[in-house]
Amino acid sequence: MADNLTSTRPYLLRAMHEWMTDNDETPLVVVDANADEINVPPGHAKEGRIVLNIGWSATRNLQMTNELVSFEARFGGVSQAVSFPLTAVLGVYARESGQGMLFQDAPDVAGSVDSTAKVSPLRPQNNAAADDGNSDDDDKQPPPKGPGLRLVK
């Protein structure tokens, strides 16, 4: 009987979307840009991930089925169709508060949720301070990390 269970991911994504919308927050999804059957505008992915605003005001014809998320959105002022399978969704979080959920498949249960946590928003790092033109090894700092999700417990 347990083998016939559907994935919880689409239900949790829809629930988090509704909760964020009800609380006047902007729902953002982090999607694996290298996944199969993904249709996102080229050039917007960073480090194999793309963050998409799935709020009602940013999308048109938003559909979240058990298998696929699809909508139309503007990128650089041009309306484009976007779609991706639910299996490509890595997490969902609110832009304003960082509240969200990361998804991680367990080895034996497809679509299981790893945790619910406060997720730090993905923000580009300012690399200007890291490259000041000095090549002195004594003052060398490790390269800044790119955007990423972080669990806060």
C-alpha atoms as a PDB file:
ATOM      1  CA  MET A   1       0.000   0.000   0.000  1.00  0.00           C
ATOM      2  CA  ALA A   2       2.826   2.442   0.853  1.00  0.00           C
ATOM      3  CA  ASP A   3       4.354   1.886  -2.597  1.00  0.00           C
ATOM      4  CA  ASN A   4       1.364   3.602  -4.211  1.00  0.00           C
ATOM      5  CA  LEU A   5       1.760   6.893  -2.360  1.00  0.00           C
ATOM      6  CA  THR A   6       2.191   9.996  -4.483  1.00  0.00           C
ATOM      7  CA  SER A   7       4.934  12.521  -3.833  1.00  0.00           C
ATOM      8  CA  THR A   8       4.281  15.121  -1.145  1.00  0.00           C
ATOM      9  CA  ARG A   9       6.298  17.751  -3.040  1.00  0.00           C
ATOM     10  CA  PRO A  10       3.474  19.219  -5.182  1.00  0.00           C
ATOM     11  CA  TYR A  11       1.111  19.434  -2.211  1.00  0.00           C
ATOM     12  CA  LEU A  12       3.707  21.110  -0.021  1.00  0.00           C
ATOM     13  CA  LEU A  13       4.703  23.535  -2.778  1.00  0.00           C
ATOM     14  CA  ARG A  14       1.071  24.573  -3.276  1.00  0.00           C
ATOM     15  CA  ALA A  15       0.562  24.895   0.488  1.00  0.00           C
ATOM     16  CA  MET A  16       3.685  27.028   0.932  1.00  0.00           C
ATOM     17  CA  HIS A  17       2.642  29.191  -2.038  1.00  0.00           C
ATOM     18  CA  GLU A  18      -0.792  29.762  -0.494  1.00  0.00           C
ATOM     19  CA  TRP A  19       0.645  30.453   2.974  1.00  0.00           C
ATOM     20  CA  MET A  20       3.148  32.999   1.617  1.00  0.00           C
ATOM     21  CA  THR A  21       0.491  34.682  -0.510  1.00  0.00           C
ATOM     22  CA  ASP A  22      -1.906  34.884   2.453  1.00  0.00           C
ATOM     23  CA  ASN A  23       0.860  36.548   4.481  1.00  0.00           C
ATOM     24  CA  ASP A  24       1.697  39.119   1.762  1.00  0.00           C
ATOM     25  CA  GLU A  25       5.066  37.561   1.033  1.00  0.00           C
ATOM     26  CA  THR A  26       6.602  36.754  -2.341  1.00  0.00           C
ATOM     27  CA  PRO A  27       6.976  33.016  -3.045  1.00  0.00           C
ATOM     28  CA  LEU A  28      10.234  32.150  -4.795  1.00  0.00           C
ATOM     29  CA  VAL A  29      11.205  28.685  -6.005  1.00  0.00           C
ATOM     30  CA  VAL A  30      14.726  27.415  -6.481  1.00  0.00           C
ATOM     31  CA  VAL A  31      14.854  25.129  -9.516  1.00  0.00           C
ATOM     32  CA  ASP A  32      17.591  22.835 -10.793  1.00  0.00           C
ATOM     33  CA  ALA A  33      18.384  24.492 -14.126  1.00  0.00           C
ATOM     34  CA  ASN A  34      20.045  21.302 -15.415  1.00  0.00           C
ATOM     35  CA  ALA A  35      16.979  19.093 -14.948  1.00  0.00           C
ATOM     36  CA  ASP A  36      15.312  17.377 -17.875  1.00  0.00           C
ATOM     37  CA  GLU A  37      12.168  18.892 -19.390  1.00  0.00           C
ATOM     38  CA  ILE A  38      12.858  22.346 -17.938  1.00  0.00           C
ATOM     39  CA  ASN A  39      11.844  25.388 -19.968  1.00  0.00           C
ATOM     40  CA  VAL A  40      13.320  28.581 -18.505  1.00  0.00           C
ATOM     41  CA  PRO A  41      14.846  31.593 -20.245  1.00  0.00           C
ATOM     42  CA  PRO A  42      18.541  31.040 -20.962  1.00  0.00           C
ATOM     43  CA  GLY A  43      21.069  33.187 -19.171  1.00  0.00           C
ATOM     44  CA  HIS A  44      19.180  33.525 -15.903  1.00  0.00           C
ATOM     45  CA  ALA A  45      20.580  30.453 -14.138  1.00  0.00           C
ATOM     46  CA  LYS A  46      23.560  30.686 -11.790  1.00  0.00           C
ATOM     47  CA  GLU A  47      25.556  27.704 -10.599  1.00  0.00           C
ATOM     48  CA  GLY A  48      22.995  25.320 -12.074  1.00  0.00           C
ATOM     49  CA  ARG A  49      20.053  26.918 -10.259  1.00  0.00           C
ATOM     50  CA  ILE A  50      17.443  29.467 -11.143  1.00  0.00           C
ATOM     51  CA  VAL A  51      15.262  31.379  -8.682  1.00  0.00           C
ATOM     52  CA  LEU A  52      11.792  32.175  -9.991  1.00  0.00           C
ATOM     53  CA  ASN A  53       9.093  34.396  -8.544  1.00  0.00           C
ATOM     54  CA  ILE A  54       5.862  32.382  -8.613  1.00  0.00           C
ATOM     55  CA  GLY A  55       3.707  35.063  -7.009  1.00  0.00           C
ATOM     56  CA  TRP A  56       0.380  35.864  -8.623  1.00  0.00           C
ATOM     57  CA  SER A  57       1.529  39.380  -9.542  1.00  0.00           C
ATOM     58  CA  ALA A  58       4.656  38.092 -11.327  1.00  0.00           C
ATOM     59  CA  THR A  59       3.037  35.262 -13.269  1.00  0.00           C
ATOM     60  CA  ARG A  60       0.233  34.749 -15.717  1.00  0.00           C
ATOM     61  CA  ASN A  61      -1.700  31.481 -15.992  1.00  0.00           C
ATOM     62  CA  LEU A  62       0.181  29.878 -13.104  1.00  0.00           C
ATOM     63  CA  GLN A  63      -0.535  26.139 -12.990  1.00  0.00           C
ATOM     64  CA  MET A  64       0.881  23.848 -10.288  1.00  0.00           C
ATOM     65  CA  THR A  65      -0.102  20.252 -11.012  1.00  0.00           C
ATOM     66  CA  ASN A  66       1.294  17.145  -9.351  1.00  0.00           C
ATOM     67  CA  GLU A  67       3.896  16.818 -12.119  1.00  0.00           C
ATOM     68  CA  LEU A  68       4.559  20.284 -13.551  1.00  0.00           C
ATOM     69  CA  VAL A  69       4.684  24.001 -12.747  1.00  0.00           C
ATOM     70  CA  SER A  70       3.978  26.281 -15.699  1.00  0.00           C
ATOM     71  CA  PHE A  71       3.311  29.972 -16.192  1.00  0.00           C
ATOM     72  CA  GLU A  72       4.151  32.997 -18.298  1.00  0.00           C
ATOM     73  CA  ALA A  73       6.433  35.701 -16.919  1.00  0.00           C
ATOM     74  CA  ARG A  74       8.396  38.691 -18.133  1.00  0.00           C
ATOM     75  CA  PHE A  75      12.158  38.454 -18.432  1.00  0.00           C
ATOM     76  CA  GLY A  76      13.826  41.647 -19.591  1.00  0.00           C
ATOM     77  CA  GLY A  77      10.393  43.005 -20.502  1.00  0.00           C
ATOM     78  CA  VAL A  78       9.611  40.075 -22.809  1.00  0.00           C
ATOM     79  CA  SER A  79       6.846  37.614 -21.917  1.00  0.00           C
ATOM     80  CA  GLN A  80       8.091  34.021 -21.970  1.00  0.00           C
ATOM     81  CA  ALA A  81       6.622  30.620 -21.174  1.00  0.00           C
ATOM     82  CA  VAL A  82       8.221  28.851 -18.206  1.00  0.00           C
ATOM     83  CA  SER A  83       7.725  25.259 -17.133  1.00  0.00           C
ATOM     84  CA  PHE A  84       9.553  22.732 -15.020  1.00  0.00           C
ATOM     85  CA  PRO A  85       8.779  19.367 -13.464  1.00  0.00           C
ATOM     86  CA  LEU A  86       8.151  19.218  -9.715  1.00  0.00           C
ATOM     87  CA  THR A  87      11.167  16.936  -9.396  1.00  0.00           C
ATOM     88  CA  ALA A  88      13.378  19.909 -10.395  1.00  0.00           C
ATOM     89  CA  VAL A  89      12.157  22.088  -7.496  1.00  0.00           C
ATOM     90  CA  LEU A  90      14.883  22.256  -4.851  1.00  0.00           C
ATOM     91  CA  GLY A  91      13.031  24.542  -2.452  1.00  0.00           C
ATOM     92  CA  VAL A  92      10.564  27.336  -1.915  1.00  0.00           C
ATOM     93  CA  TYR A  93      10.990  30.405   0.284  1.00  0.00           C
ATOM     94  CA  ALA A  94       9.534  33.854   0.926  1.00  0.00           C
ATOM     95  CA  ARG A  95      11.626  36.757  -0.355  1.00  0.00           C
ATOM     96  CA  GLU A  96      10.758  38.993   2.588  1.00  0.00           C
ATOM     97  CA  SER A  97      11.249  36.656   5.565  1.00  0.00           C
ATOM     98  CA  GLY A  98      13.315  33.785   4.193  1.00  0.00           C
ATOM     99  CA  GLN A  99      10.769  31.318   5.614  1.00  0.00           C
ATOM    100  CA  GLY A 100      10.612  28.277   3.424  1.00  0.00           C
ATOM    101  CA  MET A 101      11.248  24.634   2.792  1.00  0.00           C
ATOM    102  CA  LEU A 102      14.033  22.677   1.130  1.00  0.00           C
ATOM    103  CA  PHE A 103      13.150  19.492  -0.695  1.00  0.00           C
ATOM    104  CA  GLN A 104      15.450  16.516  -0.753  1.00  0.00           C
ATOM    105  CA  ASP A 105      14.652  13.060  -2.025  1.00  0.00           C
ATOM    106  CA  ALA A 106      15.251  10.306   0.494  1.00  0.00           C
ATOM    107  CA  PRO A 107      16.868   7.181  -0.941  1.00  0.00           C
ATOM    108  CA  ASP A 108      13.714   5.113  -0.479  1.00  0.00           C
ATOM    109  CA  VAL A 109      10.894   7.684  -0.810  1.00  0.00           C
ATOM    110  CA  ALA A 110      10.702   9.898  -3.890  1.00  0.00           C
ATOM    111  CA  GLY A 111       9.578  13.435  -3.179  1.00  0.00           C
ATOM    112  CA  SER A 112      10.054  13.348   0.579  1.00  0.00           C
ATOM    113  CA  VAL A 113      10.804  16.550   2.436  1.00  0.00           C
ATOM    114  CA  ASP A 114      14.065  16.891   4.285  1.00  0.00           C
ATOM    115  CA  SER A 115      13.128  19.800   6.535  1.00  0.00           C
ATOM    116  CA  THR A 116      11.143  22.938   7.093  1.00  0.00           C
ATOM    117  CA  ALA A 117      13.380  25.821   7.984  1.00  0.00           C
ATOM    118  CA  LYS A 118      14.118  29.454   7.617  1.00  0.00           C
ATOM    119  CA  VAL A 119      16.056  29.753   4.384  1.00  0.00           C
ATOM    120  CA  SER A 120      18.412  32.606   3.655  1.00  0.00           C
ATOM    121  CA  PRO A 121      17.431  34.339   0.420  1.00  0.00           C
ATOM    122  CA  LEU A 122      19.706  33.901  -2.562  1.00  0.00           C
ATOM    123  CA  ARG A 123      21.536  37.145  -3.058  1.00  0.00           C
ATOM    124  CA  PRO A 124      24.463  37.859  -5.353  1.00  0.00           C
ATOM    125  CA  GLN A 125      27.701  38.484  -3.524  1.00  0.00           C
ATOM    126  CA  ASN A 126      29.482  41.775  -4.081  1.00  0.00           C
ATOM    127  CA  ASN A 127      32.818  40.641  -5.500  1.00  0.00           C
ATOM    128  CA  ALA A 128      34.272  44.139  -5.873  1.00  0.00           C
ATOM    129  CA  ALA A 129      35.895  44.074  -2.436  1.00  0.00           C
ATOM    130  CA  ALA A 130      37.441  40.658  -3.056  1.00  0.00           C
ATOM    131  CA  ASP A 131      39.326  41.818  -6.143  1.00  0.00           C
ATOM    132  CA  ASP A 132      41.075  45.042  -5.253  1.00  0.00           C
ATOM    133  CA  GLY A 133      43.927  44.557  -7.710  1.00  0.00           C
ATOM    134  CA  ASN A 134      46.463  43.496  -5.069  1.00  0.00           C
ATOM    135  CA  SER A 135      48.089  40.134  -5.622  1.00  0.00           C
ATOM    136  CA  ASP A 136      49.709  39.990  -2.187  1.00  0.00           C
ATOM    137  CA  ASP A 137      49.243  36.416  -0.926  1.00  0.00           C
ATOM    138  CA  ASP A 138      49.285  37.524   2.736  1.00  0.00           C
ATOM    139  CA  ASP A 139      46.060  39.491   2.295  1.00  0.00           C
ATOM    140  CA  LYS A 140      44.406  36.900   0.076  1.00  0.00           C
ATOM    141  CA  GLN A 141      40.903  35.967   1.194  1.00  0.00           C
ATOM    142  CA  PRO A 142      39.038  32.857   0.119  1.00  0.00           C
ATOM    143  CA  PRO A 143      36.800  33.499  -2.872  1.00  0.00           C
ATOM    144  CA  PRO A 144      33.267  34.498  -1.895  1.00  0.00           C
ATOM    145  CA  LYS A 145      30.659  31.802  -2.197  1.00  0.00           C
ATOM    146  CA  GLY A 146      27.917  32.237  -4.737  1.00  0.00           C
ATOM    147  CA  PRO A 147      24.243  32.171  -3.941  1.00  0.00           C
ATOM    148  CA  GLY A 148      22.980  29.200  -1.995  1.00  0.00           C
ATOM    149  CA  LEU A 149      20.418  28.019   0.482  1.00  0.00           C
ATOM    150  CA  ARG A 150      21.281  27.665   4.131  1.00  0.00           C
ATOM    151  CA  LEU A 151      19.332  25.947   6.891  1.00  0.00           C
ATOM    152  CA  VAL A 152      18.887  27.903  10.095  1.00  0.00           C
ATOM    153  CA  LYS A 153      17.700  25.863  13.056  1.00  0.00           C
END
